[in-house]
Amino acid sequence: MLQFTDSTNYRHSIDTDKVSNVVIRPQNSDFVAAFHFGGTHVVAATVDKTTAEFIQTKLADLKEPQQ
């Protein structure tokens, strides 16, 4: 489960087991993180640079092989 707060102070909890793709793109001085699920379901959130980096780090940690 990935949890973060967006630029409007809404708290998001994303079930990473159900995410098929994540796109993080710049938008002005912020970033938009779009979490794609099966079908046409997408959760998009505007976040600051620190939160975008946090999301990228947490997603990368999920890809680490289990020891």
Protein backbone atom coordinates (compact mmCIF):
# COMPACT_ATOMS: atom_id res chain seq x y z
CA MET A 1 0.00 0.00 0.00
CA LEU A 2 1.41 3.36 -1.03
CA GLN A 3 0.19 6.35 0.99
CA PHE A 4 0.84 10.02 0.28
CA THR A 5 -0.79 13.45 0.53
CA ASP A 6 -1.41 15.48 -2.62
CA SER A 7 -1.11 19.24 -3.15
CA THR A 8 -4.66 19.84 -1.94
CA ASN A 9 -3.99 17.94 1.32
CA TYR A 10 -6.04 14.88 0.32
CA ARG A 11 -4.58 11.59 1.57
CA HIS A 12 -4.27 8.81 -1.01
CA SER A 13 -3.87 5.08 -0.37
CA ILE A 14 -2.94 3.17 -3.52
CA ASP A 15 -3.05 -0.63 -3.61
CA THR A 16 0.17 -1.20 -5.54
CA ASP A 17 -0.73 -4.85 -6.19
CA LYS A 18 -3.47 -3.64 -8.53
CA VAL A 19 -1.49 -0.94 -10.36
CA SER A 20 -0.44 -1.78 -13.91
CA ASN A 21 1.44 1.44 -14.76
CA VAL A 22 2.46 4.73 -13.13
CA VAL A 23 3.24 7.93 -15.01
CA ILE A 24 4.77 10.93 -13.23
CA ARG A 25 5.04 14.07 -15.31
CA PRO A 26 5.89 17.70 -14.57
CA GLN A 27 3.14 20.31 -14.60
CA ASN A 28 4.27 23.87 -13.97
CA SER A 29 6.06 23.80 -10.59
CA ASP A 30 4.31 20.56 -9.51
CA PHE A 31 4.01 17.00 -10.80
CA VAL A 32 1.05 14.80 -11.74
CA ALA A 33 1.23 11.16 -10.65
CA ALA A 34 -1.20 8.96 -12.59
CA PHE A 35 -1.79 5.42 -11.34
CA HIS A 36 -3.31 3.15 -14.00
CA PHE A 37 -5.32 0.06 -13.05
CA GLY A 38 -7.03 -2.63 -15.12
CA GLY A 39 -9.43 -1.39 -17.75
CA THR A 40 -9.74 2.39 -17.95
CA HIS A 41 -9.40 3.17 -14.25
CA VAL A 42 -6.89 5.91 -13.40
CA VAL A 43 -6.16 7.83 -10.19
CA ALA A 44 -4.31 11.09 -10.85
CA ALA A 45 -2.92 13.36 -8.14
CA THR A 46 -1.01 16.63 -8.27
CA VAL A 47 1.99 16.50 -5.94
CA ASP A 48 5.09 18.55 -5.13
CA LYS A 49 8.61 17.50 -6.15
CA THR A 50 9.37 15.88 -2.77
CA THR A 51 6.24 13.72 -2.94
CA ALA A 52 6.93 12.76 -6.57
CA GLU A 53 10.40 11.60 -5.55
CA PHE A 54 8.92 9.72 -2.57
CA ILE A 55 6.49 7.89 -4.88
CA GLN A 56 9.27 6.98 -7.31
CA THR A 57 11.46 5.67 -4.48
CA LYS A 58 8.68 3.58 -2.96
CA LEU A 59 7.75 2.10 -6.34
CA ALA A 60 11.40 1.26 -7.02
CA ASP A 61 11.62 -0.46 -3.61
CA LEU A 62 8.68 -2.67 -4.59
CA LYS A 63 10.65 -3.91 -7.61
CA GLU A 64 13.63 -5.04 -5.50
CA PRO A 65 14.02 -8.84 -5.50
CA GLN A 66 13.01 -10.60 -2.32
CA GLN A 67 15.92 -12.17 -0.40
